[in-house]
Structures are given as structure tokens and as C-alpha cells.
């Protein structure tokens, strides 16, 4: 059984943004891309990328995923500066994760904690999330990214609203599976923030 790593203390949102910025800059420079190049490849505005690298703003998962794809990375590798072993390297059969020991990122609407970041050549992105948003109006737009998405609610109750007008409510220990290319948002129902496990695949 793989040894469990020591638990890392939870980071403040500002520290999360700074870590993401350093990781983004490192991956971009390793590929010898300018911010303008990365903007062209990802579709994310140059000014937004610049602020991301400086740790000045939080962005949606949609933008994180677009930048990660442009850099040929998993979102977890972008969030977690420790990254993963190259896909061709010898890999363990199991990568152990602890909810409190993985890198986090907050968009303001959700807190993300990417899991299994050390697994090489990941084809799925598992994420523990906390849904803080309560209303559709808190979002500038629906979130869209290629692939499929599975969510199960660990605590609380979640409303998933789609740009098509469909609304699905998911309670504790219930789940939903959908095409994540269709615009969608999660909002939490009730006083407490809902906690969810999401698995995304391209």
C-alpha cells in the first residue's frame, strides 16, 4: 500500500492564486510560449492570463481548463505546482489522495481541490468541491468545457442549471452525469455550502 504523505496546511485563497500563477508561468516558459501565444492557443484574454500569473485574480474552471489544454496539462497539474510524472515514466498502480492534503483553488463561486495529481497521463480529473454560490445571478455566464462530467453530492443539496433551461436538483448521496460542453452552473441550496465530488473527462 502506498505511503500516505504528510498533510499540508490549508492555504488561503490569495496563496492559492499565487501558487497557480507561479505554476502557470513555469509551464508556459518551459514551452517557450509568450502570454500572447498562450492567449491565442487557449482563447483566454492576454490581460486575464497576465493577472493569473501575477496571482491577482481568480478565474472560472472553464478558463483554467482552457489554459491547461493549451499547455497539454491536466487541470490538477496546473493547480498543483508539484505536477505529475511524465506519461512515459514508470507509474504506481494507485495514487493515494487525502482531501486535506491536495492543492486548492477558489474561484469565488467554488473551492476546487484536485485529486490524484501525481498520476501520469490522467484521462479523468477528479475534484472535491465546495459550492458557495447561491444564485444564478452571481455568475457572469454559464461554464462550458469539453467532455463529460459526473457529480455526486457529499453533503447539502445542489441545483445544476443548464443554458438550455433545464434544472436538476441533486441531494446528498445522489449523482448526475452530463455533457459538460453544455453551459452549466452549480448553486448550493440551504444555509451550508454543499460539498461535492466531481469527475470530469475529455
N, C-alpha and C. Protein backbone atom coordinates (compact mmCIF):
# COMPACT_ATOMS: atom_id res chain seq x y z
N UNK A 1 0.85 -1.19 0.00
CA UNK A 1 0.00 0.00 0.00
C UNK A 1 0.88 1.24 0.00
N UNK A 2 0.58 2.24 -0.85
CA UNK A 2 1.43 3.43 -0.91
C UNK A 2 1.45 4.18 0.41
N UNK A 3 2.62 4.73 0.74
CA UNK A 3 2.74 5.51 1.97
C UNK A 3 1.94 6.79 1.85
N UNK A 4 1.29 7.18 2.93
CA UNK A 4 0.49 8.40 2.91
C UNK A 4 1.38 9.61 3.16
N UNK A 5 1.28 10.63 2.30
CA UNK A 5 2.10 11.82 2.51
C UNK A 5 1.59 12.63 3.70
N UNK A 6 2.49 13.44 4.25
CA UNK A 6 2.10 14.30 5.36
C UNK A 6 1.06 15.30 4.90
N UNK A 7 0.11 15.61 5.76
CA UNK A 7 -0.93 16.56 5.41
C UNK A 7 -0.39 17.97 5.37
N UNK A 8 -0.72 18.69 4.30
CA UNK A 8 -0.29 20.07 4.18
C UNK A 8 -1.36 20.98 4.77
N UNK A 9 -0.95 22.09 5.42
CA UNK A 9 -1.94 23.01 5.97
C UNK A 9 -2.73 23.66 4.85
N UNK A 10 -4.00 23.98 5.12
CA UNK A 10 -4.85 24.62 4.11
C UNK A 10 -4.29 26.00 3.78
N UNK A 11 -4.33 26.34 2.50
CA UNK A 11 -3.80 27.62 2.05
C UNK A 11 -4.92 28.64 1.92
N UNK A 12 -4.59 29.92 2.15
CA UNK A 12 -5.55 30.98 1.94
C UNK A 12 -5.78 31.17 0.46
N UNK A 13 -6.97 31.72 0.07
CA UNK A 13 -7.24 31.92 -1.35
C UNK A 13 -6.15 32.72 -2.06
N UNK A 14 -5.57 33.73 -1.38
CA UNK A 14 -4.52 34.53 -2.00
C UNK A 14 -3.30 33.67 -2.31
N UNK A 15 -2.96 32.76 -1.39
CA UNK A 15 -1.82 31.86 -1.60
C UNK A 15 -2.11 30.92 -2.75
N UNK A 16 -3.36 30.47 -2.85
CA UNK A 16 -3.75 29.60 -3.96
C UNK A 16 -3.51 30.29 -5.29
N UNK A 17 -3.92 31.54 -5.38
CA UNK A 17 -3.77 32.29 -6.63
C UNK A 17 -2.30 32.48 -6.98
N UNK A 18 -1.49 32.78 -5.98
CA UNK A 18 -0.06 32.98 -6.21
C UNK A 18 0.58 31.68 -6.68
N UNK A 19 0.23 30.56 -6.04
CA UNK A 19 0.80 29.27 -6.44
C UNK A 19 0.40 28.92 -7.86
N UNK A 20 -0.88 29.16 -8.19
CA UNK A 20 -1.34 28.89 -9.55
C UNK A 20 -0.56 29.75 -10.54
N UNK A 21 -0.35 31.02 -10.19
CA UNK A 21 0.38 31.93 -11.08
C UNK A 21 1.80 31.46 -11.34
N UNK A 22 2.48 31.02 -10.28
CA UNK A 22 3.85 30.52 -10.44
C UNK A 22 3.87 29.25 -11.30
N UNK A 23 2.89 28.38 -11.06
CA UNK A 23 2.82 27.16 -11.85
C UNK A 23 2.55 27.46 -13.31
N UNK A 24 1.62 28.37 -13.57
CA UNK A 24 1.28 28.75 -14.94
C UNK A 24 2.48 29.34 -15.66
N UNK A 25 3.18 30.25 -14.98
CA UNK A 25 4.35 30.88 -15.60
C UNK A 25 5.43 29.83 -15.91
N UNK A 26 5.65 28.91 -14.97
CA UNK A 26 6.67 27.89 -15.17
C UNK A 26 6.36 26.99 -16.36
N UNK A 27 5.10 26.53 -16.44
CA UNK A 27 4.71 25.67 -17.55
C UNK A 27 4.76 26.43 -18.89
N UNK A 28 4.35 27.67 -18.86
CA UNK A 28 4.36 28.47 -20.11
C UNK A 28 5.79 28.69 -20.60
N UNK A 29 6.67 29.06 -19.69
CA UNK A 29 8.06 29.32 -20.09
C UNK A 29 8.77 28.04 -20.51
N UNK A 30 8.43 26.93 -19.86
CA UNK A 30 9.04 25.65 -20.24
C UNK A 30 8.71 25.30 -21.69
N UNK A 31 7.58 25.79 -22.16
CA UNK A 31 7.15 25.54 -23.55
C UNK A 31 7.54 26.68 -24.49
N UNK A 32 8.26 27.66 -23.95
CA UNK A 32 8.73 28.82 -24.71
C UNK A 32 7.58 29.56 -25.40
N UNK A 33 6.52 29.74 -24.63
CA UNK A 33 5.36 30.47 -25.14
C UNK A 33 5.29 31.84 -24.49
N UNK A 34 4.93 32.84 -25.25
CA UNK A 34 4.65 34.16 -24.68
C UNK A 34 3.20 34.15 -24.19
N UNK A 35 2.85 35.17 -23.41
CA UNK A 35 1.46 35.29 -22.98
C UNK A 35 0.54 35.43 -24.18
N UNK A 36 1.02 36.12 -25.21
CA UNK A 36 0.21 36.29 -26.42
C UNK A 36 0.00 34.94 -27.11
N UNK A 37 1.05 34.12 -27.16
CA UNK A 37 0.94 32.78 -27.75
C UNK A 37 -0.11 31.96 -26.99
N UNK A 38 0.01 31.97 -25.67
CA UNK A 38 -0.89 31.17 -24.84
C UNK A 38 -2.33 31.67 -24.97
N UNK A 39 -2.49 32.97 -25.08
CA UNK A 39 -3.82 33.54 -25.27
C UNK A 39 -4.43 33.03 -26.57
N UNK A 40 -3.62 33.01 -27.63
CA UNK A 40 -4.09 32.52 -28.92
C UNK A 40 -4.47 31.06 -28.89
N UNK A 41 -3.69 30.25 -28.17
CA UNK A 41 -3.95 28.81 -28.10
C UNK A 41 -5.14 28.48 -27.21
N UNK A 42 -5.33 29.28 -26.15
CA UNK A 42 -6.34 28.94 -25.15
C UNK A 42 -7.67 29.67 -25.33
N UNK A 43 -7.61 30.83 -26.00
CA UNK A 43 -8.82 31.65 -26.11
C UNK A 43 -9.08 32.50 -24.89
N UNK A 44 -8.15 32.49 -23.92
CA UNK A 44 -8.27 33.32 -22.72
C UNK A 44 -7.55 34.64 -22.97
N UNK A 45 -8.18 35.74 -22.62
CA UNK A 45 -7.63 37.06 -22.89
C UNK A 45 -6.23 37.22 -22.31
N UNK A 46 -5.35 37.91 -23.06
CA UNK A 46 -3.98 38.12 -22.61
C UNK A 46 -3.94 38.82 -21.26
N UNK A 47 -4.80 39.82 -21.06
CA UNK A 47 -4.81 40.55 -19.79
C UNK A 47 -5.20 39.62 -18.63
N UNK A 48 -6.12 38.69 -18.89
CA UNK A 48 -6.53 37.73 -17.86
C UNK A 48 -5.38 36.80 -17.51
N UNK A 49 -4.66 36.31 -18.54
CA UNK A 49 -3.51 35.43 -18.29
C UNK A 49 -2.44 36.15 -17.48
N UNK A 50 -2.20 37.41 -17.81
CA UNK A 50 -1.20 38.19 -17.09
C UNK A 50 -1.56 38.31 -15.62
N UNK A 51 -2.83 38.61 -15.34
CA UNK A 51 -3.28 38.73 -13.95
C UNK A 51 -3.25 37.38 -13.24
N UNK A 52 -3.53 36.30 -13.98
CA UNK A 52 -3.44 34.96 -13.39
C UNK A 52 -2.02 34.68 -12.95
N UNK A 53 -1.04 34.98 -13.81
CA UNK A 53 0.36 34.71 -13.48
C UNK A 53 0.83 35.54 -12.29
N UNK A 54 0.26 36.73 -12.14
CA UNK A 54 0.64 37.59 -11.03
C UNK A 54 -0.14 37.28 -9.76
N UNK A 55 -1.05 36.32 -9.84
CA UNK A 55 -1.85 35.95 -8.67
C UNK A 55 -2.84 37.01 -8.27
N UNK A 56 -3.29 37.82 -9.24
CA UNK A 56 -4.16 38.95 -8.92
C UNK A 56 -5.64 38.63 -9.02
N UNK A 57 -6.00 37.56 -9.73
CA UNK A 57 -7.42 37.24 -9.90
C UNK A 57 -7.67 35.74 -9.78
N UNK A 58 -8.92 35.41 -9.48
CA UNK A 58 -9.38 34.03 -9.55
C UNK A 58 -10.24 33.91 -10.81
N UNK A 59 -10.14 32.79 -11.48
CA UNK A 59 -10.91 32.59 -12.71
C UNK A 59 -11.75 31.33 -12.60
N UNK A 60 -12.70 31.18 -13.51
CA UNK A 60 -13.59 30.03 -13.51
C UNK A 60 -12.86 28.75 -13.93
N UNK A 61 -13.49 27.62 -13.64
CA UNK A 61 -12.92 26.34 -14.07
C UNK A 61 -12.80 26.31 -15.59
N UNK A 62 -13.76 26.91 -16.28
CA UNK A 62 -13.74 26.93 -17.74
C UNK A 62 -12.43 27.52 -18.27
N UNK A 63 -11.99 28.64 -17.69
CA UNK A 63 -10.74 29.26 -18.13
C UNK A 63 -9.53 28.44 -17.71
N UNK A 64 -9.57 27.88 -16.49
CA UNK A 64 -8.48 27.01 -16.04
C UNK A 64 -8.32 25.84 -17.00
N UNK A 65 -9.44 25.23 -17.37
CA UNK A 65 -9.39 24.07 -18.25
C UNK A 65 -8.86 24.45 -19.63
N UNK A 66 -9.25 25.62 -20.13
CA UNK A 66 -8.79 26.07 -21.45
C UNK A 66 -7.28 26.29 -21.45
N UNK A 67 -6.76 26.90 -20.38
CA UNK A 67 -5.32 27.14 -20.28
C UNK A 67 -4.57 25.81 -20.14
N UNK A 68 -5.11 24.92 -19.31
CA UNK A 68 -4.47 23.60 -19.13
C UNK A 68 -4.40 22.85 -20.45
N UNK A 69 -5.49 22.85 -21.21
CA UNK A 69 -5.49 22.15 -22.51
C UNK A 69 -4.46 22.75 -23.45
N UNK A 70 -4.35 24.08 -23.45
CA UNK A 70 -3.38 24.74 -24.33
C UNK A 70 -1.95 24.37 -23.97
N UNK A 71 -1.73 24.02 -22.71
CA UNK A 71 -0.39 23.64 -22.24
C UNK A 71 -0.22 22.12 -22.19
N UNK A 72 -1.22 21.38 -22.68
CA UNK A 72 -1.21 19.91 -22.65
C UNK A 72 -1.06 19.38 -21.23
N UNK A 73 -1.82 19.99 -20.32
CA UNK A 73 -1.79 19.60 -18.92
C UNK A 73 -3.17 19.21 -18.45
N UNK A 74 -3.21 18.47 -17.34
CA UNK A 74 -4.43 18.26 -16.59
C UNK A 74 -4.62 19.48 -15.69
N UNK A 75 -5.87 19.82 -15.40
CA UNK A 75 -6.11 20.97 -14.53
C UNK A 75 -5.41 20.81 -13.19
N UNK A 76 -5.39 19.59 -12.66
CA UNK A 76 -4.72 19.36 -11.38
C UNK A 76 -3.24 19.69 -11.43
N UNK A 77 -2.60 19.41 -12.56
CA UNK A 77 -1.18 19.74 -12.71
C UNK A 77 -0.95 21.24 -12.73
N UNK A 78 -1.93 21.97 -13.25
CA UNK A 78 -1.80 23.43 -13.30
C UNK A 78 -2.00 24.03 -11.91
N UNK A 79 -2.96 23.48 -11.16
CA UNK A 79 -3.23 23.98 -9.81
C UNK A 79 -2.11 23.62 -8.85
N UNK A 80 -1.59 22.40 -9.00
CA UNK A 80 -0.59 21.89 -8.06
C UNK A 80 0.79 21.99 -8.67
N UNK A 81 1.62 22.85 -8.12
CA UNK A 81 2.96 23.08 -8.66
C UNK A 81 3.83 21.83 -8.62
N UNK A 82 3.46 20.84 -7.80
CA UNK A 82 4.23 19.60 -7.74
C UNK A 82 4.08 18.80 -9.02
N UNK A 83 2.95 18.99 -9.71
CA UNK A 83 2.72 18.35 -11.00
C UNK A 83 2.69 16.85 -10.92
N UNK A 84 2.88 16.22 -12.08
CA UNK A 84 2.83 14.76 -12.17
C UNK A 84 4.03 14.26 -12.92
N UNK A 85 4.30 12.98 -12.77
CA UNK A 85 5.38 12.37 -13.53
C UNK A 85 5.02 12.34 -15.01
N UNK A 86 6.01 12.38 -15.92
CA UNK A 86 5.71 12.31 -17.34
C UNK A 86 4.94 11.03 -17.66
N UNK A 87 4.10 11.09 -18.70
CA UNK A 87 3.22 9.97 -19.02
C UNK A 87 4.00 8.70 -19.32
N UNK A 88 5.23 8.82 -19.83
CA UNK A 88 6.01 7.64 -20.19
C UNK A 88 6.79 7.05 -19.02
N UNK A 89 6.77 7.70 -17.87
CA UNK A 89 7.56 7.23 -16.74
C UNK A 89 6.88 6.04 -16.07
N UNK A 90 7.69 5.24 -15.34
CA UNK A 90 7.11 4.13 -14.58
C UNK A 90 6.16 4.71 -13.55
N UNK A 91 4.96 4.13 -13.47
CA UNK A 91 3.93 4.72 -12.61
C UNK A 91 3.43 3.73 -11.59
N UNK A 92 3.06 4.21 -10.42
CA UNK A 92 2.42 3.32 -9.45
C UNK A 92 1.03 2.95 -9.95
N UNK A 93 0.53 1.82 -9.49
CA UNK A 93 -0.81 1.39 -9.88
C UNK A 93 -1.84 2.30 -9.23
N UNK A 94 -1.55 2.74 -8.01
CA UNK A 94 -2.50 3.56 -7.27
C UNK A 94 -1.81 4.84 -6.82
N UNK A 95 -2.49 5.95 -6.98
CA UNK A 95 -2.02 7.23 -6.42
C UNK A 95 -2.99 7.59 -5.30
N UNK A 96 -2.47 7.70 -4.10
CA UNK A 96 -3.30 7.96 -2.92
C UNK A 96 -3.48 9.46 -2.74
N UNK A 97 -4.71 9.87 -2.43
CA UNK A 97 -5.01 11.27 -2.18
C UNK A 97 -5.73 11.43 -0.86
N UNK A 98 -5.47 12.55 -0.20
CA UNK A 98 -6.20 12.89 1.02
C UNK A 98 -6.85 14.23 0.80
N UNK A 99 -8.12 14.33 1.18
CA UNK A 99 -8.89 15.55 0.92
C UNK A 99 -8.20 16.81 1.44
N UNK A 100 -7.55 16.70 2.59
CA UNK A 100 -6.92 17.89 3.17
C UNK A 100 -5.50 18.12 2.72
N UNK A 101 -4.96 17.23 1.87
CA UNK A 101 -3.55 17.34 1.54
C UNK A 101 -3.26 17.76 0.11
N UNK A 102 -4.29 18.05 -0.68
CA UNK A 102 -4.09 18.41 -2.08
C UNK A 102 -4.20 19.92 -2.27
N UNK A 103 -3.65 20.40 -3.37
CA UNK A 103 -3.68 21.83 -3.67
C UNK A 103 -5.11 22.29 -3.93
N UNK A 104 -5.42 23.50 -3.49
CA UNK A 104 -6.76 24.04 -3.67
C UNK A 104 -6.74 25.29 -4.53
N UNK A 105 -7.90 25.61 -5.05
CA UNK A 105 -8.06 26.85 -5.82
C UNK A 105 -9.49 27.32 -5.64
N UNK A 106 -9.67 28.62 -5.43
CA UNK A 106 -11.00 29.18 -5.23
C UNK A 106 -11.32 30.16 -6.34
N UNK A 107 -12.50 29.99 -6.95
CA UNK A 107 -12.95 30.92 -7.99
C UNK A 107 -13.88 31.98 -7.43
N UNK A 108 -14.24 31.85 -6.16
CA UNK A 108 -15.22 32.75 -5.57
C UNK A 108 -16.60 32.12 -5.52
N UNK A 109 -16.93 31.32 -6.54
CA UNK A 109 -18.19 30.59 -6.56
C UNK A 109 -18.01 29.18 -6.01
N UNK A 110 -16.83 28.61 -6.28
CA UNK A 110 -16.50 27.26 -5.84
C UNK A 110 -15.08 27.25 -5.28
N UNK A 111 -14.83 26.31 -4.37
CA UNK A 111 -13.47 25.93 -4.00
C UNK A 111 -13.19 24.60 -4.67
N UNK A 112 -12.05 24.48 -5.35
CA UNK A 112 -11.67 23.24 -6.01
C UNK A 112 -10.49 22.61 -5.26
N UNK A 113 -10.51 21.30 -5.12
CA UNK A 113 -9.36 20.58 -4.59
C UNK A 113 -9.13 19.39 -5.52
N UNK A 114 -8.18 19.53 -6.45
CA UNK A 114 -7.91 18.48 -7.43
C UNK A 114 -7.26 17.29 -6.75
N UNK A 115 -7.66 16.09 -7.14
CA UNK A 115 -7.16 14.87 -6.52
C UNK A 115 -6.29 14.07 -7.49
N UNK A 116 -5.45 13.20 -6.94
CA UNK A 116 -4.61 12.28 -7.72
C UNK A 116 -3.74 13.01 -8.74
N UNK A 117 -3.18 14.14 -8.33
CA UNK A 117 -2.37 14.92 -9.26
C UNK A 117 -1.09 14.22 -9.69
N UNK A 118 -0.64 13.24 -8.94
CA UNK A 118 0.60 12.55 -9.28
C UNK A 118 0.45 11.44 -10.30
N UNK A 119 -0.78 11.15 -10.72
CA UNK A 119 -0.96 10.05 -11.66
C UNK A 119 -0.57 10.49 -13.07
N UNK A 120 0.34 9.76 -13.73
CA UNK A 120 0.80 10.16 -15.07
C UNK A 120 -0.24 9.86 -16.15
N UNK A 121 -0.39 10.78 -17.08
CA UNK A 121 -1.28 10.57 -18.21
C UNK A 121 -2.74 10.45 -17.82
N UNK A 122 -3.17 11.25 -16.84
CA UNK A 122 -4.56 11.17 -16.37
C UNK A 122 -5.55 11.39 -17.52
N UNK A 123 -6.63 10.61 -17.52
CA UNK A 123 -7.69 10.78 -18.51
C UNK A 123 -8.97 11.31 -17.86
N UNK A 124 -8.95 11.39 -16.54
CA UNK A 124 -10.08 11.95 -15.80
C UNK A 124 -9.53 12.99 -14.83
N UNK A 125 -10.35 13.95 -14.47
CA UNK A 125 -9.97 14.96 -13.49
C UNK A 125 -10.93 14.88 -12.31
N UNK A 126 -10.53 14.20 -11.22
CA UNK A 126 -11.38 14.16 -10.03
C UNK A 126 -11.13 15.38 -9.15
N UNK A 127 -12.21 15.99 -8.69
CA UNK A 127 -12.11 17.23 -7.92
C UNK A 127 -13.09 17.18 -6.75
N UNK A 128 -12.62 17.51 -5.56
CA UNK A 128 -13.51 17.77 -4.44
C UNK A 128 -13.88 19.24 -4.48
N UNK A 129 -15.15 19.54 -4.33
CA UNK A 129 -15.57 20.93 -4.44
C UNK A 129 -16.47 21.37 -3.31
N UNK A 130 -16.42 22.66 -3.04
CA UNK A 130 -17.36 23.29 -2.10
C UNK A 130 -18.11 24.34 -2.89
N UNK A 131 -19.43 24.23 -2.92
CA UNK A 131 -20.26 25.15 -3.71
C UNK A 131 -20.71 26.28 -2.79
N UNK A 132 -20.20 27.49 -3.06
CA UNK A 132 -20.51 28.65 -2.22
C UNK A 132 -21.59 29.53 -2.84
N UNK A 133 -21.74 29.47 -4.16
CA UNK A 133 -22.72 30.31 -4.85
C UNK A 133 -24.13 29.88 -4.49
N UNK A 134 -25.04 30.85 -4.42
CA UNK A 134 -26.43 30.58 -4.08
C UNK A 134 -27.41 30.95 -5.19
N UNK A 135 -26.98 31.83 -6.12
CA UNK A 135 -27.90 32.32 -7.14
C UNK A 135 -27.24 32.34 -8.51
N UNK A 136 -28.04 32.10 -9.55
CA UNK A 136 -27.57 32.16 -10.93
C UNK A 136 -26.95 33.51 -11.25
N UNK A 137 -27.51 34.57 -10.67
CA UNK A 137 -27.05 35.93 -10.98
C UNK A 137 -25.63 36.20 -10.50
N UNK A 138 -25.07 35.34 -9.67
CA UNK A 138 -23.69 35.53 -9.20
C UNK A 138 -22.68 35.20 -10.29
N UNK A 139 -23.11 34.52 -11.35
CA UNK A 139 -22.21 34.10 -12.42
C UNK A 139 -22.34 35.00 -13.64
N UNK A 140 -21.22 35.42 -14.24
CA UNK A 140 -21.30 36.23 -15.46
C UNK A 140 -21.81 35.43 -16.65
N UNK A 141 -21.61 34.11 -16.63
CA UNK A 141 -22.05 33.26 -17.73
C UNK A 141 -22.05 31.81 -17.25
N UNK A 142 -22.63 30.93 -18.06
CA UNK A 142 -22.56 29.50 -17.77
C UNK A 142 -21.13 29.00 -18.03
N UNK A 143 -20.78 27.90 -17.40
CA UNK A 143 -19.45 27.30 -17.55
C UNK A 143 -19.54 26.17 -18.57
N UNK A 144 -18.61 26.16 -19.51
CA UNK A 144 -18.57 25.14 -20.55
C UNK A 144 -17.15 24.64 -20.71
N UNK A 145 -16.98 23.34 -20.87
CA UNK A 145 -15.67 22.78 -21.19
C UNK A 145 -15.90 21.44 -21.87
N UNK A 146 -15.01 21.04 -22.75
CA UNK A 146 -15.20 19.79 -23.49
C UNK A 146 -15.30 18.59 -22.58
N UNK A 147 -16.06 17.58 -23.00
CA UNK A 147 -16.08 16.32 -22.28
C UNK A 147 -17.38 16.06 -21.54
N UNK A 148 -17.27 15.19 -20.55
CA UNK A 148 -18.40 14.78 -19.74
C UNK A 148 -18.10 15.01 -18.27
N UNK A 149 -19.15 15.09 -17.47
CA UNK A 149 -18.98 15.43 -16.06
C UNK A 149 -19.91 14.58 -15.20
N UNK A 150 -19.34 14.04 -14.13
CA UNK A 150 -20.10 13.27 -13.16
C UNK A 150 -19.97 13.97 -11.82
N UNK A 151 -21.09 14.14 -11.12
CA UNK A 151 -21.05 14.78 -9.80
C UNK A 151 -21.88 13.97 -8.83
N UNK A 152 -21.35 13.79 -7.63
CA UNK A 152 -22.12 13.21 -6.53
C UNK A 152 -22.03 14.17 -5.35
N UNK A 153 -23.15 14.35 -4.68
CA UNK A 153 -23.21 15.31 -3.57
C UNK A 153 -22.86 14.59 -2.28
N UNK A 154 -21.84 15.11 -1.59
CA UNK A 154 -21.39 14.51 -0.33
C UNK A 154 -22.16 15.06 0.86
N UNK A 155 -22.50 16.35 0.80
CA UNK A 155 -23.32 16.96 1.85
C UNK A 155 -24.05 18.16 1.27
N UNK A 156 -25.21 18.44 1.82
CA UNK A 156 -26.02 19.54 1.33
C UNK A 156 -26.86 19.13 0.14
N UNK A 157 -27.29 20.13 -0.61
CA UNK A 157 -28.11 19.91 -1.80
C UNK A 157 -27.69 20.91 -2.87
N UNK A 158 -27.62 20.45 -4.11
CA UNK A 158 -27.10 21.27 -5.20
C UNK A 158 -28.13 21.39 -6.31
N UNK A 159 -28.21 22.58 -6.88
CA UNK A 159 -29.01 22.80 -8.08
C UNK A 159 -28.05 22.96 -9.25
N UNK A 160 -28.26 22.20 -10.32
CA UNK A 160 -27.47 22.34 -11.54
C UNK A 160 -28.37 22.98 -12.58
N UNK A 161 -27.99 24.16 -13.04
CA UNK A 161 -28.77 24.87 -14.06
C UNK A 161 -28.01 24.83 -15.37
N UNK A 162 -28.71 24.51 -16.45
CA UNK A 162 -28.11 24.43 -17.78
C UNK A 162 -28.58 25.59 -18.66
N UNK A 163 -27.74 25.95 -19.62
CA UNK A 163 -28.09 27.05 -20.51
C UNK A 163 -29.31 26.72 -21.37
N UNK A 164 -29.67 25.44 -21.44
CA UNK A 164 -30.85 25.01 -22.19
C UNK A 164 -32.14 25.28 -21.42
N UNK A 165 -32.01 25.68 -20.15
CA UNK A 165 -33.18 25.95 -19.32
C UNK A 165 -33.50 24.82 -18.36
N UNK A 166 -32.87 23.66 -18.54
CA UNK A 166 -33.13 22.53 -17.65
C UNK A 166 -32.49 22.78 -16.29
N UNK A 167 -33.19 22.37 -15.24
CA UNK A 167 -32.70 22.49 -13.87
C UNK A 167 -32.81 21.13 -13.20
N UNK A 168 -31.73 20.69 -12.57
CA UNK A 168 -31.70 19.41 -11.86
C UNK A 168 -31.26 19.68 -10.43
N UNK A 169 -31.99 19.14 -9.46
CA UNK A 169 -31.58 19.25 -8.06
C UNK A 169 -31.05 17.90 -7.59
N UNK A 170 -29.90 17.94 -6.94
CA UNK A 170 -29.22 16.71 -6.53
C UNK A 170 -28.96 16.78 -5.03
N UNK A 171 -29.47 15.78 -4.30
CA UNK A 171 -29.31 15.75 -2.85
C UNK A 171 -28.14 14.89 -2.41
N UNK A 172 -27.96 14.82 -1.11
CA UNK A 172 -26.85 14.06 -0.51
C UNK A 172 -26.89 12.60 -0.98
N UNK A 173 -25.73 12.13 -1.45
CA UNK A 173 -25.54 10.77 -1.95
C UNK A 173 -26.27 10.50 -3.26
N UNK A 174 -26.78 11.55 -3.90
CA UNK A 174 -27.34 11.42 -5.23
C UNK A 174 -26.31 11.94 -6.24
N UNK A 175 -26.49 11.58 -7.51
CA UNK A 175 -25.50 11.98 -8.51
C UNK A 175 -26.15 12.35 -9.82
N UNK A 176 -25.36 13.00 -10.68
CA UNK A 176 -25.80 13.37 -12.02
C UNK A 176 -24.62 13.23 -12.97
N UNK A 177 -24.91 12.95 -14.22
CA UNK A 177 -23.89 12.77 -15.26
C UNK A 177 -24.39 13.53 -16.48
N UNK A 178 -23.53 14.40 -17.05
CA UNK A 178 -23.99 15.21 -18.17
C UNK A 178 -22.84 15.62 -19.08
N UNK A 179 -23.21 16.14 -20.22
CA UNK A 179 -22.26 16.66 -21.20
C UNK A 179 -21.81 18.05 -20.75
N UNK A 180 -20.53 18.17 -20.38
CA UNK A 180 -20.06 19.44 -19.82
C UNK A 180 -19.82 20.51 -20.88
N UNK A 181 -19.96 20.15 -22.15
CA UNK A 181 -19.89 21.16 -23.20
C UNK A 181 -21.13 22.04 -23.23
N UNK A 182 -22.22 21.58 -22.58
CA UNK A 182 -23.43 22.40 -22.44
C UNK A 182 -23.23 23.30 -21.23
N UNK A 183 -23.45 24.59 -21.39
CA UNK A 183 -23.23 25.54 -20.30
C UNK A 183 -23.99 25.14 -19.04
N UNK A 184 -23.32 25.20 -17.90
CA UNK A 184 -23.92 24.77 -16.65
C UNK A 184 -23.33 25.52 -15.48
N UNK A 185 -24.07 25.59 -14.38
CA UNK A 185 -23.56 26.15 -13.13
C UNK A 185 -24.12 25.33 -11.97
N UNK A 186 -23.38 25.32 -10.88
CA UNK A 186 -23.84 24.71 -9.64
C UNK A 186 -24.17 25.82 -8.64
N UNK A 187 -25.29 25.68 -7.95
CA UNK A 187 -25.57 26.55 -6.81
C UNK A 187 -25.96 25.68 -5.64
N UNK A 188 -25.66 26.17 -4.44
CA UNK A 188 -25.94 25.43 -3.22
C UNK A 188 -27.29 25.83 -2.69
N UNK A 189 -28.09 24.84 -2.29
CA UNK A 189 -29.40 25.07 -1.68
C UNK A 189 -29.26 24.86 -0.18
N UNK A 190 -29.77 25.78 0.60
CA UNK A 190 -29.66 25.64 2.04
C UNK A 190 -28.63 26.59 2.62
N UNK A 191 -28.54 26.60 3.92
CA UNK A 191 -27.66 27.55 4.62
C UNK A 191 -26.18 27.20 4.48
N UNK A 192 -25.88 25.91 4.55
CA UNK A 192 -24.48 25.48 4.49
C UNK A 192 -24.03 25.30 3.05
N UNK A 193 -22.75 25.53 2.78
CA UNK A 193 -22.18 25.26 1.46
C UNK A 193 -22.26 23.76 1.19
N UNK A 194 -22.67 23.40 -0.01
CA UNK A 194 -22.71 21.98 -0.39
C UNK A 194 -21.30 21.50 -0.72
N UNK A 195 -21.06 20.22 -0.46
CA UNK A 195 -19.77 19.61 -0.78
C UNK A 195 -20.00 18.51 -1.80
N UNK A 196 -19.17 18.52 -2.85
CA UNK A 196 -19.40 17.61 -3.97
C UNK A 196 -18.10 16.94 -4.40
N UNK A 197 -18.24 15.79 -5.06
CA UNK A 197 -17.13 15.14 -5.74
C UNK A 197 -17.47 15.14 -7.22
N UNK A 198 -16.60 15.74 -8.02
CA UNK A 198 -16.84 15.86 -9.45
C UNK A 198 -15.72 15.12 -10.18
N UNK A 199 -16.08 14.39 -11.21
CA UNK A 199 -15.09 13.74 -12.09
C UNK A 199 -15.37 14.21 -13.50
N UNK A 200 -14.36 14.83 -14.13
CA UNK A 200 -14.51 15.36 -15.48
C UNK A 200 -13.60 14.58 -16.42
N UNK A 201 -14.07 14.36 -17.63
CA UNK A 201 -13.30 13.61 -18.61
C UNK A 201 -13.45 14.26 -19.96
N UNK A 202 -12.36 14.26 -20.73
CA UNK A 202 -12.42 14.75 -22.10
C UNK A 202 -12.42 13.58 -23.05
